[in-house]
């Protein structure tokens, strides 16, 4: 069972991790972050990806899909941006945002590692 700071630290240990944030998609506020760079402002990325999550949820409702989002992948030229919704009852409304270097990461392994971190998160 990992708390927020520990979960963020573990996420930064995923090979290729550039930055990670835990974000509340109801408010767009970041609960914590690790990593990042001048090119990757995690505060801005967290708020912007809140809109991505909200749009996908609205689309699912419009389509009448009775399902849950596990993760959302955005592929850029040099990076992967992975959004993983927290599935625990206390984590409702939260998501992890993880940016990875394409050349230094294994996407399948990163997804599995982030899933394991999310499963151990204690709020």
PDB file of N, CA and C in Angstrom:
ATOM      1  N   UNK A   1       0.833  -1.177   0.000  1.00  0.00           N
ATOM      2  CA  UNK A   1       0.000   0.000   0.000  1.00  0.00           C
ATOM      3  C   UNK A   1       0.887   1.253   0.000  1.00  0.00           C
ATOM      4  N   UNK A   2       0.754   2.055  -1.036  1.00  0.00           N
ATOM      5  CA  UNK A   2       1.624   3.216  -1.191  1.00  0.00           C
ATOM      6  C   UNK A   2       0.841   4.518  -1.059  1.00  0.00           C
ATOM      7  N   UNK A   3       1.447   5.481  -0.383  1.00  0.00           N
ATOM      8  CA  UNK A   3       0.865   6.805  -0.319  1.00  0.00           C
ATOM      9  C   UNK A   3       1.276   7.584  -1.560  1.00  0.00           C
ATOM     10  N   UNK A   4       0.724   8.776  -1.717  1.00  0.00           N
ATOM     11  CA  UNK A   4       0.925   9.548  -2.942  1.00  0.00           C
ATOM     12  C   UNK A   4       2.405   9.772  -3.256  1.00  0.00           C
ATOM     13  N   UNK A   5       3.187  10.248  -2.306  1.00  0.00           N
ATOM     14  CA  UNK A   5       4.603  10.545  -2.558  1.00  0.00           C
ATOM     15  C   UNK A   5       5.363   9.302  -2.974  1.00  0.00           C
ATOM     16  N   UNK A   6       5.072   8.178  -2.314  1.00  0.00           N
ATOM     17  CA  UNK A   6       5.741   6.915  -2.636  1.00  0.00           C
ATOM     18  C   UNK A   6       5.323   6.457  -4.037  1.00  0.00           C
ATOM     19  N   UNK A   7       4.035   6.563  -4.351  1.00  0.00           N
ATOM     20  CA  UNK A   7       3.535   6.154  -5.669  1.00  0.00           C
ATOM     21  C   UNK A   7       4.186   6.979  -6.774  1.00  0.00           C
ATOM     22  N   UNK A   8       4.324   8.275  -6.568  1.00  0.00           N
ATOM     23  CA  UNK A   8       4.954   9.143  -7.565  1.00  0.00           C
ATOM     24  C   UNK A   8       6.429   8.794  -7.743  1.00  0.00           C
ATOM     25  N   UNK A   9       7.102   8.512  -6.636  1.00  0.00           N
ATOM     26  CA  UNK A   9       8.512   8.112  -6.697  1.00  0.00           C
ATOM     27  C   UNK A   9       8.653   6.804  -7.464  1.00  0.00           C
ATOM     28  N   UNK A  10       7.784   5.851  -7.200  1.00  0.00           N
ATOM     29  CA  UNK A  10       7.828   4.566  -7.907  1.00  0.00           C
ATOM     30  C   UNK A  10       7.561   4.754  -9.400  1.00  0.00           C
ATOM     31  N   UNK A  11       6.646   5.646  -9.742  1.00  0.00           N
ATOM     32  CA  UNK A  11       6.341   5.907 -11.151  1.00  0.00           C
ATOM     33  C   UNK A  11       7.551   6.508 -11.860  1.00  0.00           C
ATOM     34  N   UNK A  12       8.319   7.336 -11.170  1.00  0.00           N
ATOM     35  CA  UNK A  12       9.513   7.924 -11.785  1.00  0.00           C
ATOM     36  C   UNK A  12      10.616   6.889 -11.989  1.00  0.00           C
ATOM     37  N   UNK A  13      10.490   5.734 -11.358  1.00  0.00           N
ATOM     38  CA  UNK A  13      11.461   4.656 -11.541  1.00  0.00           C
ATOM     39  C   UNK A  13      11.135   3.801 -12.766  1.00  0.00           C
ATOM     40  N   UNK A  14       9.984   4.027 -13.386  1.00  0.00           N
ATOM     41  CA  UNK A  14       9.639   3.320 -14.616  1.00  0.00           C
ATOM     42  C   UNK A  14      10.619   3.784 -15.693  1.00  0.00           C
ATOM     43  N   UNK A  15      11.290   2.851 -16.379  1.00  0.00           N
ATOM     44  CA  UNK A  15      12.255   3.265 -17.398  1.00  0.00           C
ATOM     45  C   UNK A  15      11.641   4.224 -18.428  1.00  0.00           C
ATOM     46  N   UNK A  16      12.357   5.322 -18.651  1.00  0.00           N
ATOM     47  CA  UNK A  16      11.917   6.322 -19.614  1.00  0.00           C
ATOM     48  C   UNK A  16      11.020   7.402 -19.044  1.00  0.00           C
ATOM     49  N   UNK A  17      10.672   7.324 -17.751  1.00  0.00           N
ATOM     50  CA  UNK A  17       9.775   8.317 -17.147  1.00  0.00           C
ATOM     51  C   UNK A  17      10.410   9.712 -17.197  1.00  0.00           C
ATOM     52  N   UNK A  18       9.615  10.666 -17.651  1.00  0.00           N
ATOM     53  CA  UNK A  18      10.035  12.073 -17.706  1.00  0.00           C
ATOM     54  C   UNK A  18       9.389  12.844 -16.556  1.00  0.00           C
ATOM     55  N   UNK A  19       8.129  12.548 -16.293  1.00  0.00           N
ATOM     56  CA  UNK A  19       7.393  13.218 -15.227  1.00  0.00           C
ATOM     57  C   UNK A  19       6.088  12.503 -14.972  1.00  0.00           C
ATOM     58  N   UNK A  20       5.580  12.665 -13.753  1.00  0.00           N
ATOM     59  CA  UNK A  20       4.333  12.025 -13.361  1.00  0.00           C
ATOM     60  C   UNK A  20       3.573  12.967 -12.422  1.00  0.00           C
ATOM     61  N   UNK A  21       2.253  12.914 -12.518  1.00  0.00           N
ATOM     62  CA  UNK A  21       1.408  13.712 -11.627  1.00  0.00           C
ATOM     63  C   UNK A  21       0.172  12.905 -11.266  1.00  0.00           C
ATOM     64  N   UNK A  22      -0.367  13.179 -10.095  1.00  0.00           N
ATOM     65  CA  UNK A  22      -1.657  12.644  -9.687  1.00  0.00           C
ATOM     66  C   UNK A  22      -2.608  13.829  -9.677  1.00  0.00           C
ATOM     67  N   UNK A  23      -3.692  13.706 -10.460  1.00  0.00           N
ATOM     68  CA  UNK A  23      -4.565  14.849 -10.720  1.00  0.00           C
ATOM     69  C   UNK A  23      -6.010  14.513 -10.389  1.00  0.00           C
ATOM     70  N   UNK A  24      -6.734  15.490  -9.864  1.00  0.00           N
ATOM     71  CA  UNK A  24      -8.172  15.386  -9.622  1.00  0.00           C
ATOM     72  C   UNK A  24      -8.878  15.933 -10.859  1.00  0.00           C
ATOM     73  N   UNK A  25      -9.596  15.063 -11.596  1.00  0.00           N
ATOM     74  CA  UNK A  25     -10.203  15.536 -12.842  1.00  0.00           C
ATOM     75  C   UNK A  25     -11.503  16.289 -12.628  1.00  0.00           C
ATOM     76  N   UNK A  26     -12.027  16.317 -11.422  1.00  0.00           N
ATOM     77  CA  UNK A  26     -13.185  17.166 -11.148  1.00  0.00           C
ATOM     78  C   UNK A  26     -12.769  18.631 -11.076  1.00  0.00           C
ATOM     79  N   UNK A  27     -11.635  18.878 -10.427  1.00  0.00           N
ATOM     80  CA  UNK A  27     -11.166  20.255 -10.250  1.00  0.00           C
ATOM     81  C   UNK A  27     -10.023  20.639 -11.176  1.00  0.00           C
ATOM     82  N   UNK A  28      -9.295  19.647 -11.703  1.00  0.00           N
ATOM     83  CA  UNK A  28      -8.111  19.923 -12.502  1.00  0.00           C
ATOM     84  C   UNK A  28      -6.875  20.191 -11.664  1.00  0.00           C
ATOM     85  N   UNK A  29      -7.007  20.059 -10.346  1.00  0.00           N
ATOM     86  CA  UNK A  29      -5.886  20.338  -9.444  1.00  0.00           C
ATOM     87  C   UNK A  29      -4.982  19.125  -9.293  1.00  0.00           C
ATOM     88  N   UNK A  30      -3.685  19.406  -9.201  1.00  0.00           N
ATOM     89  CA  UNK A  30      -2.692  18.365  -9.036  1.00  0.00           C
ATOM     90  C   UNK A  30      -2.496  18.094  -7.542  1.00  0.00           C
ATOM     91  N   UNK A  31      -2.547  16.810  -7.153  1.00  0.00           N
ATOM     92  CA  UNK A  31      -2.329  16.434  -5.762  1.00  0.00           C
ATOM     93  C   UNK A  31      -0.855  16.234  -5.456  1.00  0.00           C
ATOM     94  N   UNK A  32      -0.073  15.964  -6.495  1.00  0.00           N
ATOM     95  CA  UNK A  32       1.362  15.775  -6.325  1.00  0.00           C
ATOM     96  C   UNK A  32       1.993  15.493  -7.667  1.00  0.00           C
ATOM     97  N   UNK A  33       3.316  15.677  -7.739  1.00  0.00           N
ATOM     98  CA  UNK A  33       4.029  15.412  -8.977  1.00  0.00           C
ATOM     99  C   UNK A  33       5.477  15.084  -8.676  1.00  0.00           C
ATOM    100  N   UNK A  34       6.131  14.512  -9.677  1.00  0.00           N
ATOM    101  CA  UNK A  34       7.563  14.233  -9.602  1.00  0.00           C
ATOM    102  C   UNK A  34       8.118  14.336 -11.011  1.00  0.00           C
ATOM    103  N   UNK A  35       9.359  14.787 -11.101  1.00  0.00           N
ATOM    104  CA  UNK A  35       9.985  14.919 -12.414  1.00  0.00           C
ATOM    105  C   UNK A  35       9.493  16.156 -13.130  1.00  0.00           C
ATOM    106  N   UNK A  36       9.400  16.041 -14.443  1.00  0.00           N
ATOM    107  CA  UNK A  36       9.032  17.189 -15.266  1.00  0.00           C
ATOM    108  C   UNK A  36      10.283  17.882 -15.767  1.00  0.00           C
ATOM    109  N   UNK A  37      10.095  18.924 -16.553  1.00  0.00           N
ATOM    110  CA  UNK A  37      11.222  19.672 -17.117  1.00  0.00           C
ATOM    111  C   UNK A  37      10.703  21.022 -17.593  1.00  0.00           C
ATOM    112  N   UNK A  38      11.598  21.814 -18.150  1.00  0.00           N
ATOM    113  CA  UNK A  38      11.182  23.109 -18.697  1.00  0.00           C
ATOM    114  C   UNK A  38      10.177  22.901 -19.827  1.00  0.00           C
ATOM    115  N   UNK A  39      10.337  21.803 -20.574  1.00  0.00           N
ATOM    116  CA  UNK A  39       9.432  21.497 -21.685  1.00  0.00           C
ATOM    117  C   UNK A  39       8.155  20.793 -21.218  1.00  0.00           C
ATOM    118  N   UNK A  40       8.166  20.239 -20.025  1.00  0.00           N
ATOM    119  CA  UNK A  40       7.011  19.506 -19.513  1.00  0.00           C
ATOM    120  C   UNK A  40       6.585  20.080 -18.165  1.00  0.00           C
ATOM    121  N   UNK A  41       5.728  21.072 -18.216  1.00  0.00           N
ATOM    122  CA  UNK A  41       5.161  21.680 -17.014  1.00  0.00           C
ATOM    123  C   UNK A  41       4.018  20.782 -16.554  1.00  0.00           C
ATOM    124  N   UNK A  42       4.228  20.037 -15.480  1.00  0.00           N
ATOM    125  CA  UNK A  42       3.251  19.055 -15.034  1.00  0.00           C
ATOM    126  C   UNK A  42       1.953  19.696 -14.556  1.00  0.00           C
ATOM    127  N   UNK A  43       2.030  20.904 -14.055  1.00  0.00           N
ATOM    128  CA  UNK A  43       0.818  21.618 -13.634  1.00  0.00           C
ATOM    129  C   UNK A  43      -0.094  21.878 -14.845  1.00  0.00           C
ATOM    130  N   UNK A  44       0.511  22.379 -15.913  1.00  0.00           N
ATOM    131  CA  UNK A  44      -0.239  22.652 -17.148  1.00  0.00           C
ATOM    132  C   UNK A  44      -0.728  21.351 -17.774  1.00  0.00           C
ATOM    133  N   UNK A  45       0.142  20.345 -17.816  1.00  0.00           N
ATOM    134  CA  UNK A  45      -0.228  19.057 -18.409  1.00  0.00           C
ATOM    135  C   UNK A  45      -1.370  18.397 -17.642  1.00  0.00           C
ATOM    136  N   UNK A  46      -1.308  18.455 -16.319  1.00  0.00           N
ATOM    137  CA  UNK A  46      -2.374  17.868 -15.506  1.00  0.00           C
ATOM    138  C   UNK A  46      -3.711  18.539 -15.761  1.00  0.00           C
ATOM    139  N   UNK A  47      -3.712  19.856 -15.791  1.00  0.00           N
ATOM    140  CA  UNK A  47      -4.955  20.590 -16.038  1.00  0.00           C
ATOM    141  C   UNK A  47      -5.478  20.315 -17.446  1.00  0.00           C
ATOM    142  N   UNK A  48      -4.586  20.292 -18.428  1.00  0.00           N
ATOM    143  CA  UNK A  48      -5.002  20.043 -19.804  1.00  0.00           C
ATOM    144  C   UNK A  48      -5.544  18.640 -20.000  1.00  0.00           C
ATOM    145  N   UNK A  49      -4.918  17.668 -19.377  1.00  0.00           N
ATOM    146  CA  UNK A  49      -5.378  16.290 -19.524  1.00  0.00           C
ATOM    147  C   UNK A  49      -6.652  16.018 -18.746  1.00  0.00           C
ATOM    148  N   UNK A  50      -6.978  16.893 -17.817  1.00  0.00           N
ATOM    149  CA  UNK A  50      -8.291  16.826 -17.165  1.00  0.00           C
ATOM    150  C   UNK A  50      -9.383  16.944 -18.220  1.00  0.00           C
ATOM    151  N   UNK A  51      -9.169  17.837 -19.177  1.00  0.00           N
ATOM    152  CA  UNK A  51     -10.142  18.023 -20.255  1.00  0.00           C
ATOM    153  C   UNK A  51     -10.246  16.787 -21.146  1.00  0.00           C
ATOM    154  N   UNK A  52      -9.128  16.108 -21.352  1.00  0.00           N
ATOM    155  CA  UNK A  52      -9.127  14.868 -22.140  1.00  0.00           C
ATOM    156  C   UNK A  52      -9.997  13.817 -21.451  1.00  0.00           C
ATOM    157  N   UNK A  53      -9.793  13.651 -20.152  1.00  0.00           N
ATOM    158  CA  UNK A  53     -10.565  12.661 -19.387  1.00  0.00           C
ATOM    159  C   UNK A  53     -12.047  13.022 -19.397  1.00  0.00           C
ATOM    160  N   UNK A  54     -12.345  14.281 -19.137  1.00  0.00           N
ATOM    161  CA  UNK A  54     -13.755  14.710 -19.125  1.00  0.00           C
ATOM    162  C   UNK A  54     -14.422  14.483 -20.481  1.00  0.00           C
ATOM    163  N   UNK A  55     -13.706  14.808 -21.572  1.00  0.00           N
ATOM    164  CA  UNK A  55     -14.265  14.634 -22.914  1.00  0.00           C
ATOM    165  C   UNK A  55     -14.530  13.163 -23.215  1.00  0.00           C
ATOM    166  N   UNK A  56     -13.610  12.292 -22.830  1.00  0.00           N
ATOM    167  CA  UNK A  56     -13.801  10.869 -23.084  1.00  0.00           C
ATOM    168  C   UNK A  56     -14.979  10.328 -22.281  1.00  0.00           C
ATOM    169  N   UNK A  57     -15.113  10.770 -21.039  1.00  0.00           N
ATOM    170  CA  UNK A  57     -16.243  10.332 -20.214  1.00  0.00           C
ATOM    171  C   UNK A  57     -17.568  10.813 -20.800  1.00  0.00           C
ATOM    172  N   UNK A  58     -17.602  12.038 -21.276  1.00  0.00           N
ATOM    173  CA  UNK A  58     -18.816  12.574 -21.896  1.00  0.00           C
ATOM    174  C   UNK A  58     -19.164  11.799 -23.163  1.00  0.00           C
ATOM    175  N   UNK A  59     -18.157  11.471 -23.949  1.00  0.00           N
ATOM    176  CA  UNK A  59     -18.388  10.694 -25.169  1.00  0.00           C
ATOM    177  C   UNK A  59     -18.936   9.313 -24.833  1.00  0.00           C
ATOM    178  N   UNK A  60     -18.381   8.687 -23.826  1.00  0.00           N
ATOM    179  CA  UNK A  60     -18.868   7.366 -23.414  1.00  0.00           C
ATOM    180  C   UNK A  60     -20.328   7.430 -22.974  1.00  0.00           C
ATOM    181  N   UNK A  61     -20.679   8.482 -22.227  1.00  0.00           N
ATOM    182  CA  UNK A  61     -22.076   8.658 -21.804  1.00  0.00           C
ATOM    183  C   UNK A  61     -22.980   8.853 -23.026  1.00  0.00           C
ATOM    184  N   UNK A  62     -22.537   9.678 -23.978  1.00  0.00           N
ATOM    185  CA  UNK A  62     -23.320   9.928 -25.196  1.00  0.00           C
ATOM    186  C   UNK A  62     -23.547   8.659 -26.002  1.00  0.00           C
ATOM    187  N   UNK A  63     -22.569   7.777 -25.985  1.00  0.00           N
ATOM    188  CA  UNK A  63     -22.677   6.522 -26.713  1.00  0.00           C
ATOM    189  C   UNK A  63     -23.420   5.442 -25.921  1.00  0.00           C
ATOM    190  N   UNK A  64     -23.722   5.742 -24.669  1.00  0.00           N
ATOM    191  CA  UNK A  64     -24.405   4.769 -23.831  1.00  0.00           C
ATOM    192  C   UNK A  64     -23.510   3.619 -23.408  1.00  0.00           C
ATOM    193  N   UNK A  65     -22.193   3.856 -23.390  1.00  0.00           N
ATOM    194  CA  UNK A  65     -21.263   2.810 -22.980  1.00  0.00           C
ATOM    195  C   UNK A  65     -21.252   2.707 -21.456  1.00  0.00           C
ATOM    196  N   UNK A  66     -21.576   1.563 -20.958  1.00  0.00           N
ATOM    197  CA  UNK A  66     -21.572   1.326 -19.516  1.00  0.00           C
ATOM    198  C   UNK A  66     -20.274   0.609 -19.174  1.00  0.00           C
ATOM    199  N   UNK A  67     -19.182   1.356 -19.174  1.00  0.00           N
ATOM    200  CA  UNK A  67     -17.866   0.780 -18.954  1.00  0.00           C
ATOM    201  C   UNK A  67     -17.002   1.824 -18.258  1.00  0.00           C
ATOM    202  N   UNK A  68     -15.788   1.430 -17.884  1.00  0.00           N
ATOM    203  CA  UNK A  68     -14.878   2.346 -17.214  1.00  0.00           C
ATOM    204  C   UNK A  68     -13.596   2.486 -18.017  1.00  0.00           C
ATOM    205  N   UNK A  69     -13.028   3.671 -17.989  1.00  0.00           N
ATOM    206  CA  UNK A  69     -11.740   3.917 -18.637  1.00  0.00           C
ATOM    207  C   UNK A  69     -10.647   3.348 -17.744  1.00  0.00           C
ATOM    208  N   UNK A  70      -9.776   2.540 -18.324  1.00  0.00           N
ATOM    209  CA  UNK A  70      -8.592   2.076 -17.594  1.00  0.00           C
ATOM    210  C   UNK A  70      -7.460   3.074 -17.810  1.00  0.00           C
ATOM    211  N   UNK A  71      -7.125   3.272 -19.084  1.00  0.00           N
ATOM    212  CA  UNK A  71      -6.105   4.275 -19.384  1.00  0.00           C
ATOM    213  C   UNK A  71      -6.329   4.861 -20.771  1.00  0.00           C
ATOM    214  N   UNK A  72      -5.692   5.991 -20.989  1.00  0.00           N
ATOM    215  CA  UNK A  72      -5.747   6.708 -22.260  1.00  0.00           C
ATOM    216  C   UNK A  72      -4.304   6.934 -22.676  1.00  0.00           C
ATOM    217  N   UNK A  73      -3.987   6.632 -23.928  1.00  0.00           N
ATOM    218  CA  UNK A  73      -2.630   6.795 -24.436  1.00  0.00           C
ATOM    219  C   UNK A  73      -2.603   7.878 -25.504  1.00  0.00           C
ATOM    220  N   UNK A  74      -1.668   8.791 -25.365  1.00  0.00           N
ATOM    221  CA  UNK A  74      -1.423   9.814 -26.373  1.00  0.00           C
ATOM    222  C   UNK A  74       0.014   9.604 -26.849  1.00  0.00           C
ATOM    223  N   UNK A  75       0.169   9.361 -28.134  1.00  0.00           N
ATOM    224  CA  UNK A  75       1.484   9.096 -28.697  1.00  0.00           C
ATOM    225  C   UNK A  75       1.962  10.334 -29.453  1.00  0.00           C
ATOM    226  N   UNK A  76       3.105  10.854 -29.044  1.00  0.00           N
ATOM    227  CA  UNK A  76       3.740  11.988 -29.714  1.00  0.00           C
ATOM    228  C   UNK A  76       4.947  11.478 -30.501  1.00  0.00           C
ATOM    229  N   UNK A  77       5.615  12.344 -31.193  1.00  0.00           N
ATOM    230  CA  UNK A  77       6.784  11.938 -31.969  1.00  0.00           C
ATOM    231  C   UNK A  77       7.888  11.336 -31.122  1.00  0.00           C
ATOM    232  N   UNK A  78       8.122  11.912 -29.950  1.00  0.00           N
ATOM    233  CA  UNK A  78       9.228  11.445 -29.095  1.00  0.00           C
ATOM    234  C   UNK A  78       8.775  10.962 -27.723  1.00  0.00           C
ATOM    235  N   UNK A  79       7.484  11.045 -27.444  1.00  0.00           N
ATOM    236  CA  UNK A  79       7.004  10.699 -26.102  1.00  0.00           C
ATOM    237  C   UNK A  79       5.692   9.923 -26.154  1.00  0.00           C
ATOM    238  N   UNK A  80       5.467   9.193 -25.066  1.00  0.00           N
ATOM    239  CA  UNK A  80       4.149   8.621 -24.777  1.00  0.00           C
ATOM    240  C   UNK A  80       3.608   9.388 -23.580  1.00  0.00           C
ATOM    241  N   UNK A  81       2.323   9.725 -23.618  1.00  0.00           N
ATOM    242  CA  UNK A  81       1.657  10.317 -22.462  1.00  0.00           C
ATOM    243  C   UNK A  81       0.547   9.358 -22.068  1.00  0.00           C
ATOM    244  N   UNK A  82       0.647   8.832 -20.862  1.00  0.00           N
ATOM    245  CA  UNK A  82      -0.264   7.810 -20.377  1.00  0.00           C
ATOM    246  C   UNK A  82      -1.109   8.389 -19.249  1.00  0.00           C
ATOM    247  N   UNK A  83      -2.418   8.259 -19.387  1.00  0.00           N
ATOM    248  CA  UNK A  83      -3.362   8.713 -18.368  1.00  0.00           C
ATOM    249  C   UNK A  83      -4.020   7.464 -17.794  1.00  0.00           C
ATOM    250  N   UNK A  84      -3.850   7.234 -16.511  1.00  0.00           N
ATOM    251  CA  UNK A  84      -4.407   6.038 -15.857  1.00  0.00           C
ATOM    252  C   UNK A  84      -5.358   6.483 -14.757  1.00  0.00           C
ATOM    253  N   UNK A  85      -6.643   6.151 -14.897  1.00  0.00           N
ATOM    254  CA  UNK A  85      -7.623   6.510 -13.885  1.00  0.00           C
ATOM    255  C   UNK A  85      -7.471   5.620 -12.661  1.00  0.00           C
ATOM    256  N   UNK A  86      -7.622   6.210 -11.478  1.00  0.00           N
ATOM    257  CA  UNK A  86      -7.539   5.463 -10.221  1.00  0.00           C
ATOM    258  C   UNK A  86      -8.872   4.772 -10.016  1.00  0.00           C
ATOM    259  N   UNK A  87      -8.824   3.461  -9.822  1.00  0.00           N
ATOM    260  CA  UNK A  87     -10.052   2.676  -9.774  1.00  0.00           C
ATOM    261  C   UNK A  87     -10.590   2.411  -8.365  1.00  0.00           C
ATOM    262  N   UNK A  88      -9.808   2.715  -7.336  1.00  0.00           N
ATOM    263  CA  UNK A  88     -10.287   2.455  -5.973  1.00  0.00           C
ATOM    264  C   UNK A  88     -11.432   3.408  -5.627  1.00  0.00           C
ATOM    265  N   UNK A  89     -12.345   2.966  -4.751  1.00  0.00           N
ATOM    266  CA  UNK A  89     -13.473   3.833  -4.382  1.00  0.00           C
ATOM    267  C   UNK A  89     -13.038   5.199  -3.838  1.00  0.00           C
ATOM    268  N   UNK A  90     -11.977   5.234  -3.046  1.00  0.00           N
ATOM    269  CA  UNK A  90     -11.500   6.506  -2.500  1.00  0.00           C
ATOM    270  C   UNK A  90     -10.762   7.334  -3.540  1.00  0.00           C
ATOM    271  N   UNK A  91     -10.365   6.699  -4.649  1.00  0.00           N
ATOM    272  CA  UNK A  91      -9.617   7.395  -5.679  1.00  0.00           C
ATOM    273  C   UNK A  91     -10.474   7.880  -6.827  1.00  0.00           C
ATOM    274  N   UNK A  92     -11.788   7.759  -6.687  1.00  0.00           N
ATOM    275  CA  UNK A  92     -12.681   8.224  -7.732  1.00  0.00           C
ATOM    276  C   UNK A  92     -12.429   9.688  -8.037  1.00  0.00           C
ATOM    277  N   UNK A  93     -12.298  10.010  -9.309  1.00  0.00           N
ATOM    278  CA  UNK A  93     -12.051  11.390  -9.695  1.00  0.00           C
ATOM    279  C   UNK A  93     -10.581  11.720  -9.843  1.00  0.00           C
ATOM    280  N   UNK A  94      -9.708  10.716  -9.676  1.00  0.00           N
ATOM    281  CA  UNK A  94      -8.262  10.956  -9.791  1.00  0.00           C
ATOM    282  C   UNK A  94      -7.682  10.183 -10.969  1.00  0.00           C
ATOM    283  N   UNK A  95      -6.587  10.725 -11.515  1.00  0.00           N
ATOM    284  CA  UNK A  95      -5.842   9.980 -12.521  1.00  0.00           C
ATOM    285  C   UNK A  95      -4.352  10.264 -12.400  1.00  0.00           C
ATOM    286  N   UNK A  96      -3.564   9.263 -12.788  1.00  0.00           N
ATOM    287  CA  UNK A  96      -2.133   9.444 -12.937  1.00  0.00           C
ATOM    288  C   UNK A  96      -1.880   9.927 -14.360  1.00  0.00           C
ATOM    289  N   UNK A  97      -0.977  10.860 -14.497  1.00  0.00           N
ATOM    290  CA  UNK A  97      -0.505  11.319 -15.801  1.00  0.00           C
ATOM    291  C   UNK A  97       0.987  11.025 -15.831  1.00  0.00           C
ATOM    292  N   UNK A  98       1.419  10.194 -16.764  1.00  0.00           N
ATOM    293  CA  UNK A  98       2.818   9.796 -16.860  1.00  0.00           C
ATOM    294  C   UNK A  98       3.333  10.086 -18.259  1.00  0.00           C
ATOM    295  N   UNK A  99       4.413  10.861 -18.349  1.00  0.00           N
ATOM    296  CA  UNK A  99       5.070  11.140 -19.624  1.00  0.00           C
ATOM    297  C   UNK A  99       6.323  10.288 -19.708  1.00  0.00           C
ATOM    298  N   UNK A 100       6.487   9.629 -20.857  1.00  0.00           N
ATOM    299  CA  UNK A 100       7.607   8.716 -21.066  1.00  0.00           C
ATOM    300  C   UNK A 100       8.365   9.084 -22.338  1.00  0.00           C
ATOM    301  N   UNK A 101       9.665   8.873 -22.322  1.00  0.00           N
ATOM    302  CA  UNK A 101      10.469   8.991 -23.532  1.00  0.00           C
ATOM    303  C   UNK A 101      10.223   7.744 -24.373  1.00  0.00           C
ATOM    304  N   UNK A 102       9.900   7.938 -25.651  1.00  0.00           N
ATOM    305  CA  UNK A 102       9.652   6.795 -26.531  1.00  0.00           C
ATOM    306  C   UNK A 102      10.877   5.901 -26.683  1.00  0.00           C
ATOM    307  N   UNK A 103      12.047   6.522 -26.774  1.00  0.00           N
ATOM    308  CA  UNK A 103      13.257   5.740 -27.037  1.00  0.00           C
ATOM    309  C   UNK A 103      13.774   5.012 -25.799  1.00  0.00           C
ATOM    310  N   UNK A 104      13.351   5.438 -24.617  1.00  0.00           N
ATOM    311  CA  UNK A 104      13.887   4.849 -23.393  1.00  0.00           C
ATOM    312  C   UNK A 104      12.862   4.010 -22.632  1.00  0.00           C
ATOM    313  N   UNK A 105      11.675   3.836 -23.196  1.00  0.00           N
ATOM    314  CA  UNK A 105      10.639   3.122 -22.452  1.00  0.00           C
ATOM    315  C   UNK A 105      10.089   1.949 -23.252  1.00  0.00           C
ATOM    316  N   UNK A 106       9.477   1.049 -22.532  1.00  0.00           N
ATOM    317  CA  UNK A 106       8.721  -0.055 -23.109  1.00  0.00           C
ATOM    318  C   UNK A 106       7.272   0.215 -22.710  1.00  0.00           C
ATOM    319  N   UNK A 107       6.439   0.577 -23.670  1.00  0.00           N
ATOM    320  CA  UNK A 107       5.075   1.013 -23.363  1.00  0.00           C
ATOM    321  C   UNK A 107       4.278  -0.054 -22.622  1.00  0.00           C
ATOM    322  N   UNK A 108       4.345  -1.283 -23.072  1.00  0.00           N
ATOM    323  CA  UNK A 108       3.585  -2.354 -22.419  1.00  0.00           C
ATOM    324  C   UNK A 108       4.005  -2.519 -20.959  1.00  0.00           C
ATOM    325  N   UNK A 109       5.309  -2.502 -20.716  1.00  0.00           N
ATOM    326  CA  UNK A 109       5.797  -2.640 -19.337  1.00  0.00           C
ATOM    327  C   UNK A 109       5.422  -1.422 -18.500  1.00  0.00           C
ATOM    328  N   UNK A 110       5.513  -0.238 -19.087  1.00  0.00           N
ATOM    329  CA  UNK A 110       5.155   0.984 -18.356  1.00  0.00           C
ATOM    330  C   UNK A 110       3.684   0.954 -17.953  1.00  0.00           C
ATOM    331  N   UNK A 111       2.810   0.509 -18.853  1.00  0.00           N
ATOM    332  CA  UNK A 111       1.385   0.401 -18.525  1.00  0.00           C
ATOM    333  C   UNK A 111       1.178  -0.553 -17.360  1.00  0.00           C
ATOM    334  N   UNK A 112       1.851  -1.686 -17.395  1.00  0.00           N
ATOM    335  CA  UNK A 112       1.709  -2.677 -16.316  1.00  0.00           C
ATOM    336  C   UNK A 112       2.234  -2.130 -14.992  1.00  0.00           C
ATOM    337  N   UNK A 113       3.373  -1.453 -15.042  1.00  0.00           N
ATOM    338  CA  UNK A 113       3.952  -0.905 -13.820  1.00  0.00           C
ATOM    339  C   UNK A 113       3.056   0.188 -13.235  1.00  0.00           C
ATOM    340  N   UNK A 114       2.528   1.054 -14.084  1.00  0.00           N
ATOM    341  CA  UNK A 114       1.645   2.107 -13.592  1.00  0.00           C
ATOM    342  C   UNK A 114       0.352   1.508 -13.031  1.00  0.00           C
ATOM    343  N   UNK A 115      -0.146   0.445 -13.648  1.00  0.00           N
ATOM    344  CA  UNK A 115      -1.332  -0.252 -13.140  1.00  0.00           C
ATOM    345  C   UNK A 115      -1.046  -0.798 -11.741  1.00  0.00           C
ATOM    346  N   UNK A 116       0.117  -1.391 -11.537  1.00  0.00           N
ATOM    347  CA  UNK A 116       0.463  -1.935 -10.222  1.00  0.00           C
ATOM    348  C   UNK A 116       0.582  -0.818  -9.178  1.00  0.00           C
ATOM    349  N   UNK A 117       1.172   0.310  -9.559  1.00  0.00           N
ATOM    350  CA  UNK A 117       1.307   1.450  -8.651  1.00  0.00           C
ATOM    351  C   UNK A 117      -0.074   1.978  -8.288  1.00  0.00           C
ATOM    352  N   UNK A 118      -0.937   2.121  -9.278  1.00  0.00           N
ATOM    353  CA  UNK A 118      -2.311   2.602  -9.039  1.00  0.00           C
ATOM    354  C   UNK A 118      -3.074   1.669  -8.105  1.00  0.00           C
ATOM    355  N   UNK A 119      -2.869   0.359  -8.267  1.00  0.00           N
ATOM    356  CA  UNK A 119      -3.571  -0.620  -7.440  1.00  0.00           C
ATOM    357  C   UNK A 119      -3.139  -0.556  -5.972  1.00  0.00           C
ATOM    358  N   UNK A 120      -1.911  -0.131  -5.730  1.00  0.00           N
ATOM    359  CA  UNK A 120      -1.373  -0.050  -4.367  1.00  0.00           C
ATOM    360  C   UNK A 120      -1.574   1.315  -3.708  1.00  0.00           C
ATOM    361  N   UNK A 121      -2.100   2.274  -4.450  1.00  0.00           N
ATOM    362  CA  UNK A 121      -2.258   3.643  -3.932  1.00  0.00           C
ATOM    363  C   UNK A 121      -3.232   3.683  -2.764  1.00  0.00           C
ATOM    364  N   UNK A 122      -2.823   4.320  -1.683  1.00  0.00           N
ATOM    365  CA  UNK A 122      -3.670   4.512  -0.510  1.00  0.00           C
ATOM    366  C   UNK A 122      -3.905   6.012  -0.341  1.00  0.00           C
ATOM    367  N   UNK A 123      -5.174   6.393  -0.295  1.00  0.00           N
ATOM    368  CA  UNK A 123      -5.514   7.815  -0.147  1.00  0.00           C
ATOM    369  C   UNK A 123      -6.119   8.090   1.216  1.00  0.00           C
TER     370      UNK A 123
END
